Amino acid sequence: MSTLTWAPDLLDGYEAADLGAPAAGPGQDDGPLTRTLVRRTAVPDRVRGVALIVHGYNDYFFATHLADAMAQSGCAVYAVDMRRAGRSLRDGNQAHHIGHIDELGEDIADAAAAAVADAAARGFGSLPLVVHAHSTGGLAATIWAHDRPDPALAGLILDGPLFGLPLSAWQAAAMRIVPTLARFQPRRVVVPAPSPYTTGLRERGWDFDTAWKRPEGVGATAGWLAATLAARTRVAGGLGIRVPVLVASADSTGPDRLDNPRHGSQDTVVDVAAIERVAAGLGSDVERLVVPGSIHDLALSADEPRERYLDAVRVFVDKVLE
């Protein structure tokens, strides 16, 4: 039986449970660490899979329409708020800081195992798992799916994964010193990171808690930058993920400025050209999806590209759960 203690979540129709502290990990001197599993209370008439939604940087789970889409394909839907993020953010935590990508991988692994076990405890039996992961969560899920996937993993969906950043020449040069800085000052904020991207989401009508998804951004630490740089370098070298992977992105990258006329119709956070370069090397069964007019989080795009993306998600989930 599941040992999780569920309570009503801040989202109507959802419950949340504390997954507890991670087993281990560097940098645990900024307050208590925990992770939170969220579940959609309603389930399809016929449950044939478990879906786990993984958020990105300066983010947490709030996209109930994405959960609804995955439920339409027969999934009992769960989401995880990882350490130092969203529902799991605790007093003293430095939001979203990590020292290694495996810290997020551990959070995904624990959430995946707990979701599969909870679905079994709800009487649905032993079910295959589909993971939908966005941005930094997509980068972490990619490494996890290669290194230590849950035995139930049947498919991986990557939504605007952080496989590259749109850096100027001087920014790319400055990035070379980050690993050294991270060894001595891992918590030093290197990039103040205001987020016109998040401001734009609010202006276009998306509703979320601005204490957990901040329009002013979350300063990127040297530790986070070094960890994600090392992970991106590893992904670029090729992996061997053994389950089908859907890699989705916008069709272009542009400046993250509110005066950018395409601010609401292109990725303004990650480099989609990097996604294109590395996608095929993730495994033997990779499907590439480019949605014109979509933004960094394809599930938060304008109506037409969002529906196109959600349709593709449903088709992919149907395929891997056949």
Protein backbone atom coordinates (compact mmCIF):
# COMPACT_ATOMS: atom_id res chain seq x y z
CA MET A 1 0.00 0.00 0.00
CA SER A 2 1.04 3.60 -0.55
CA THR A 3 2.58 5.26 2.50
CA LEU A 4 1.93 8.80 1.26
CA THR A 5 -0.34 11.10 3.24
CA TRP A 6 -2.54 13.05 0.85
CA ALA A 7 -4.19 16.40 1.59
CA PRO A 8 -6.19 18.83 -0.58
CA ASP A 9 -3.91 20.81 -2.88
CA LEU A 10 -4.13 24.51 -3.68
CA LEU A 11 -5.46 23.48 -7.11
CA ASP A 12 -9.09 22.38 -7.19
CA GLY A 13 -9.40 18.69 -7.97
CA TYR A 14 -5.86 17.89 -6.85
CA GLU A 15 -4.16 16.47 -3.76
CA ALA A 16 -0.57 16.81 -2.57
CA ALA A 17 1.75 14.64 -0.49
CA ASP A 18 5.18 15.34 0.97
CA LEU A 19 7.80 12.97 -0.47
CA GLY A 20 10.25 13.91 2.26
CA ALA A 21 13.90 14.80 2.09
CA PRO A 22 16.20 13.36 -0.57
CA ALA A 23 18.50 10.55 0.52
CA ALA A 24 21.63 12.60 -0.11
CA GLY A 25 22.99 15.44 -2.12
CA PRO A 26 25.46 18.32 -1.96
CA GLY A 27 24.55 21.76 -0.79
CA GLN A 28 21.96 20.91 1.85
CA ASP A 29 22.90 23.80 4.13
CA ASP A 30 20.20 26.24 3.08
CA GLY A 31 17.28 24.96 5.11
CA PRO A 32 15.31 21.71 5.02
CA LEU A 33 14.83 19.96 1.69
CA THR A 34 11.71 18.17 0.59
CA ARG A 35 9.84 17.23 -2.58
CA THR A 36 6.09 17.29 -3.20
CA LEU A 37 4.00 14.89 -5.26
CA VAL A 38 0.71 16.21 -6.65
CA ARG A 39 -2.03 14.01 -8.08
CA ARG A 40 -5.10 14.69 -10.16
CA THR A 41 -7.97 13.27 -8.12
CA ALA A 42 -10.17 12.36 -11.08
CA VAL A 43 -9.02 9.46 -13.25
CA PRO A 44 -10.20 8.15 -16.64
CA ASP A 45 -12.78 5.39 -16.80
CA ARG A 46 -10.03 3.06 -17.97
CA VAL A 47 -6.61 3.82 -16.51
CA ARG A 48 -3.85 2.35 -18.63
CA GLY A 49 -0.83 4.37 -17.60
CA VAL A 50 0.73 6.77 -15.11
CA ALA A 51 1.86 10.25 -16.20
CA LEU A 52 4.38 12.33 -14.24
CA ILE A 53 4.74 16.06 -15.06
CA VAL A 54 8.12 17.68 -14.25
CA HIS A 55 8.52 21.48 -14.13
CA GLY A 56 11.41 23.70 -15.14
CA TYR A 57 13.44 26.54 -13.60
CA ASN A 58 11.50 29.36 -11.87
CA ASP A 59 8.52 27.05 -12.13
CA TYR A 60 6.18 24.60 -10.39
CA PHE A 61 3.16 22.51 -11.38
CA PHE A 62 0.05 24.54 -12.23
CA ALA A 63 -0.80 23.53 -15.83
CA THR A 64 -3.95 21.53 -15.14
CA HIS A 65 -4.89 21.63 -18.84
CA LEU A 66 -1.75 19.59 -19.59
CA ALA A 67 -2.78 17.09 -16.93
CA ASP A 68 -6.25 16.95 -18.48
CA ALA A 69 -4.76 16.16 -21.89
CA MET A 70 -2.73 13.28 -20.50
CA ALA A 71 -5.76 11.99 -18.59
CA GLN A 72 -7.65 11.93 -21.88
CA SER A 73 -5.14 9.34 -23.05
CA GLY A 74 -5.91 7.11 -20.09
CA CYS A 75 -3.37 8.26 -17.53
CA ALA A 76 -3.58 8.68 -13.79
CA VAL A 77 -1.76 12.01 -13.64
CA TYR A 78 0.83 13.12 -11.10
CA ALA A 79 3.29 16.02 -10.94
CA VAL A 80 6.34 16.76 -8.83
CA ASP A 81 7.52 20.04 -7.34
CA MET A 82 11.22 19.35 -6.91
CA ARG A 83 13.55 20.52 -4.14
CA ARG A 84 13.68 24.27 -3.53
CA ALA A 85 10.76 24.84 -5.90
CA GLY A 86 7.05 25.63 -5.64
CA ARG A 87 5.26 23.63 -2.97
CA SER A 88 8.62 22.27 -1.82
CA LEU A 89 10.27 25.66 -1.22
CA ARG A 90 11.13 26.05 2.47
CA ASP A 91 12.41 28.92 4.61
CA GLY A 92 16.11 29.37 3.99
CA ASN A 93 16.13 27.56 0.65
CA GLN A 94 17.93 29.24 -2.24
CA ALA A 95 15.25 28.75 -4.88
CA HIS A 96 16.13 26.26 -7.63
CA HIS A 97 19.79 26.02 -6.66
CA ILE A 98 21.51 22.69 -7.38
CA GLY A 99 25.11 21.52 -7.38
CA HIS A 100 24.63 18.62 -9.81
CA ILE A 101 21.91 17.60 -12.26
CA ASP A 102 21.57 14.28 -10.41
CA GLU A 103 19.87 16.15 -7.55
CA LEU A 104 16.92 16.79 -9.84
CA GLY A 105 17.28 13.29 -11.23
CA GLU A 106 16.84 11.93 -7.73
CA ASP A 107 13.68 13.99 -7.30
CA ILE A 108 12.29 12.65 -10.59
CA ALA A 109 13.23 9.09 -9.67
CA ASP A 110 11.57 9.29 -6.25
CA ALA A 111 8.45 10.94 -7.66
CA ALA A 112 8.18 8.39 -10.47
CA ALA A 113 8.47 5.45 -8.09
CA ALA A 114 5.96 7.00 -5.69
CA ALA A 115 3.47 7.76 -8.49
CA VAL A 116 3.62 4.22 -9.89
CA ALA A 117 3.26 2.75 -6.40
CA ASP A 118 0.38 5.06 -5.53
CA ALA A 119 -1.47 4.18 -8.73
CA ALA A 120 -1.12 0.50 -7.82
CA ALA A 121 -2.39 1.23 -4.30
CA ARG A 122 -5.44 2.94 -5.84
CA GLY A 123 -6.29 -0.37 -7.47
CA PHE A 124 -5.05 0.31 -11.02
CA GLY A 125 -2.42 -2.43 -10.98
CA SER A 126 1.10 -2.31 -12.38
CA LEU A 127 1.09 0.37 -15.06
CA PRO A 128 3.56 1.85 -17.56
CA LEU A 129 4.89 5.35 -16.91
CA VAL A 130 5.13 8.39 -19.19
CA VAL A 131 7.17 11.38 -18.04
CA HIS A 132 6.52 14.89 -19.41
CA ALA A 133 9.40 17.22 -18.52
CA HIS A 134 9.97 20.90 -19.32
CA SER A 135 13.15 22.98 -19.71
CA THR A 136 15.65 22.29 -16.89
CA GLY A 137 13.36 19.48 -15.79
CA GLY A 138 13.64 18.14 -19.34
CA LEU A 139 17.44 18.23 -19.14
CA ALA A 140 17.38 16.39 -15.81
CA ALA A 141 14.81 13.86 -17.04
CA THR A 142 16.94 13.13 -20.10
CA ILE A 143 19.95 12.21 -17.95
CA TRP A 144 17.73 10.25 -15.55
CA ALA A 145 16.06 8.31 -18.38
CA HIS A 146 19.49 7.23 -19.62
CA ASP A 147 21.21 6.55 -16.29
CA ARG A 148 18.54 5.09 -14.03
CA PRO A 149 15.04 5.09 -15.50
CA ASP A 150 12.15 3.64 -13.54
CA PRO A 151 11.51 0.06 -14.71
CA ALA A 152 7.96 1.15 -15.64
CA LEU A 153 9.14 3.97 -17.94
CA ALA A 154 7.46 3.60 -21.35
CA GLY A 155 7.99 7.03 -22.88
CA LEU A 156 9.55 10.46 -22.33
CA ILE A 157 8.18 13.80 -23.53
CA LEU A 158 10.57 16.77 -23.53
CA ASP A 159 8.92 20.20 -23.77
CA GLY A 160 11.46 22.90 -24.67
CA PRO A 161 14.34 21.05 -22.96
CA LEU A 162 17.35 23.07 -21.81
CA PHE A 163 19.89 21.67 -24.27
CA GLY A 164 21.43 25.05 -25.04
CA LEU A 165 21.21 28.74 -24.17
CA PRO A 166 21.19 31.64 -26.65
CA LEU A 167 24.47 33.19 -25.54
CA SER A 168 26.44 36.02 -27.08
CA ALA A 169 30.15 35.48 -27.75
CA TRP A 170 31.15 37.22 -24.54
CA GLN A 171 28.58 35.31 -22.51
CA ALA A 172 29.85 32.02 -23.91
CA ALA A 173 33.40 33.03 -23.02
CA ALA A 174 32.36 34.02 -19.49
CA MET A 175 30.64 30.65 -19.06
CA ARG A 176 34.05 28.94 -19.17
CA ILE A 177 34.96 30.26 -15.72
CA VAL A 178 31.68 29.14 -14.11
CA PRO A 179 32.80 25.58 -13.19
CA THR A 180 35.80 27.00 -11.32
CA LEU A 181 33.67 29.61 -9.56
CA ALA A 182 31.14 26.93 -8.63
CA ARG A 183 33.78 24.91 -6.79
CA PHE A 184 34.46 27.80 -4.42
CA GLN A 185 31.21 29.82 -4.40
CA PRO A 186 28.45 27.50 -5.63
CA ARG A 187 25.65 29.67 -4.21
CA ARG A 188 26.89 32.91 -5.67
CA VAL A 189 24.28 34.43 -7.98
CA VAL A 190 26.00 34.93 -11.31
CA VAL A 191 23.01 35.89 -13.49
CA PRO A 192 20.35 38.09 -11.81
CA ALA A 193 17.85 36.64 -14.33
CA PRO A 194 14.83 38.97 -14.59
CA SER A 195 12.17 37.09 -16.55
CA PRO A 196 10.27 39.01 -19.22
CA TYR A 197 9.19 35.52 -20.34
CA THR A 198 7.26 35.04 -17.09
CA THR A 199 5.89 38.59 -17.19
CA GLY A 200 4.63 37.87 -20.69
CA LEU A 201 2.81 34.75 -19.49
CA ARG A 202 0.96 36.84 -16.92
CA GLU A 203 0.10 39.49 -19.50
CA ARG A 204 -1.32 36.78 -21.77
CA GLY A 205 -3.65 35.57 -19.03
CA TRP A 206 -1.91 32.62 -17.37
CA ASP A 207 -2.64 32.42 -13.65
CA PHE A 208 0.08 31.20 -11.27
CA ASP A 209 1.59 31.99 -7.89
CA THR A 210 4.21 34.70 -8.44
CA ALA A 211 6.02 33.68 -5.27
CA TRP A 212 6.82 30.36 -6.97
CA LYS A 213 7.05 31.50 -10.60
CA ARG A 214 8.52 34.97 -10.32
CA PRO A 215 8.23 37.68 -12.99
CA GLU A 216 11.37 39.22 -11.48
CA GLY A 217 13.13 35.91 -12.09
CA VAL A 218 15.31 33.74 -9.88
CA GLY A 219 19.01 34.52 -9.91
CA ALA A 220 21.03 31.66 -11.41
CA THR A 221 23.78 30.45 -9.09
CA ALA A 222 27.25 29.38 -10.16
CA GLY A 223 26.34 25.88 -8.97
CA TRP A 224 23.20 25.73 -11.13
CA LEU A 225 25.02 27.09 -14.17
CA ALA A 226 27.89 24.63 -13.78
CA ALA A 227 25.53 21.71 -13.18
CA THR A 228 23.39 22.45 -16.22
CA LEU A 229 26.44 23.18 -18.39
CA ALA A 230 27.94 19.79 -17.51
CA ALA A 231 24.61 18.09 -18.19
CA ARG A 232 24.19 19.85 -21.55
CA THR A 233 27.71 18.83 -22.56
CA ARG A 234 26.93 15.25 -21.70
CA VAL A 235 23.65 15.23 -23.63
CA ALA A 236 25.38 16.75 -26.67
CA GLY A 237 27.76 13.78 -26.68
CA GLY A 238 24.87 11.38 -27.24
CA LEU A 239 22.91 9.07 -24.97
CA GLY A 240 21.17 5.72 -25.23
CA ILE A 241 17.63 6.19 -23.90
CA ARG A 242 15.81 2.91 -24.48
CA VAL A 243 12.22 4.15 -24.63
CA PRO A 244 10.49 6.35 -27.21
CA VAL A 245 11.21 10.07 -26.78
CA LEU A 246 9.18 13.01 -28.09
CA VAL A 247 11.34 16.14 -28.31
CA ALA A 248 9.21 19.26 -28.81
CA SER A 249 10.18 22.88 -29.29
CA ALA A 250 9.22 26.17 -30.88
CA ASP A 251 10.44 26.89 -34.40
CA SER A 252 12.77 29.74 -33.44
CA THR A 253 14.56 31.49 -30.59
CA GLY A 254 14.35 35.23 -30.06
CA PRO A 255 15.26 37.87 -27.47
CA ASP A 256 13.54 37.72 -24.09
CA ARG A 257 12.27 41.30 -24.23
CA LEU A 258 8.67 42.44 -24.04
CA ASP A 259 9.27 44.68 -27.08
CA ASN A 260 10.12 41.62 -29.16
CA PRO A 261 7.14 41.42 -31.56
CA ARG A 262 7.32 37.61 -31.41
CA HIS A 263 7.66 37.41 -27.64
CA GLY A 264 4.44 35.40 -27.46
CA SER A 265 5.19 33.17 -30.45
CA GLN A 266 8.80 31.93 -30.15
CA ASP A 267 11.14 30.51 -27.53
CA THR A 268 12.84 33.35 -25.67
CA VAL A 269 14.63 31.18 -23.08
CA VAL A 270 16.51 28.27 -24.67
CA ASP A 271 18.27 27.78 -28.00
CA VAL A 272 16.01 25.67 -30.23
CA ALA A 273 18.92 25.12 -32.64
CA ALA A 274 20.70 23.21 -29.87
CA ILE A 275 17.59 21.06 -29.38
CA GLU A 276 17.61 20.30 -33.10
CA ARG A 277 21.31 19.37 -33.03
CA VAL A 278 21.18 16.89 -30.17
CA ALA A 279 17.67 15.40 -30.34
CA ALA A 280 18.49 12.53 -32.68
CA GLY A 281 21.36 11.40 -30.45
CA LEU A 282 19.21 10.84 -27.37
CA GLY A 283 18.24 7.28 -28.26
CA SER A 284 17.14 4.91 -30.98
CA ASP A 285 13.47 6.02 -31.06
CA VAL A 286 13.27 9.81 -31.08
CA GLU A 287 10.41 11.81 -32.59
CA ARG A 288 11.06 15.49 -33.25
CA LEU A 289 8.16 17.95 -33.03
CA VAL A 290 8.50 21.61 -34.04
CA VAL A 291 5.42 23.74 -33.43
CA PRO A 292 5.49 27.12 -35.24
CA GLY A 293 4.21 29.95 -33.09
CA SER A 294 4.81 28.16 -29.81
CA ILE A 295 6.84 29.50 -26.89
CA HIS A 296 9.38 28.02 -24.49
CA ASP A 297 6.75 26.03 -22.59
CA LEU A 298 4.73 24.69 -25.48
CA ALA A 299 1.84 23.87 -23.13
CA LEU A 300 1.51 27.61 -22.35
CA SER A 301 1.49 28.81 -25.96
CA ALA A 302 -1.35 30.64 -27.70
CA ASP A 303 -4.46 28.61 -28.48
CA GLU A 304 -3.58 27.16 -31.90
CA PRO A 305 0.02 26.06 -31.24
CA ARG A 306 -0.94 24.87 -27.76
CA GLU A 307 -3.69 22.63 -29.12
CA ARG A 308 -1.37 21.31 -31.80
CA TYR A 309 1.14 20.43 -29.11
CA LEU A 310 -1.40 18.81 -26.80
CA ASP A 311 -2.76 16.78 -29.71
CA ALA A 312 0.77 15.50 -30.36
CA VAL A 313 1.18 14.65 -26.67
CA ARG A 314 -2.03 12.64 -26.72
CA VAL A 315 -0.97 10.78 -29.87
CA PHE A 316 2.45 9.98 -28.38
CA VAL A 317 0.97 8.77 -25.10
CA ASP A 318 -1.51 6.59 -26.99
CA LYS A 319 1.39 5.10 -28.97
CA VAL A 320 3.59 4.20 -26.00
CA LEU A 321 0.68 2.83 -23.97
CA GLU A 322 -0.61 0.54 -26.75
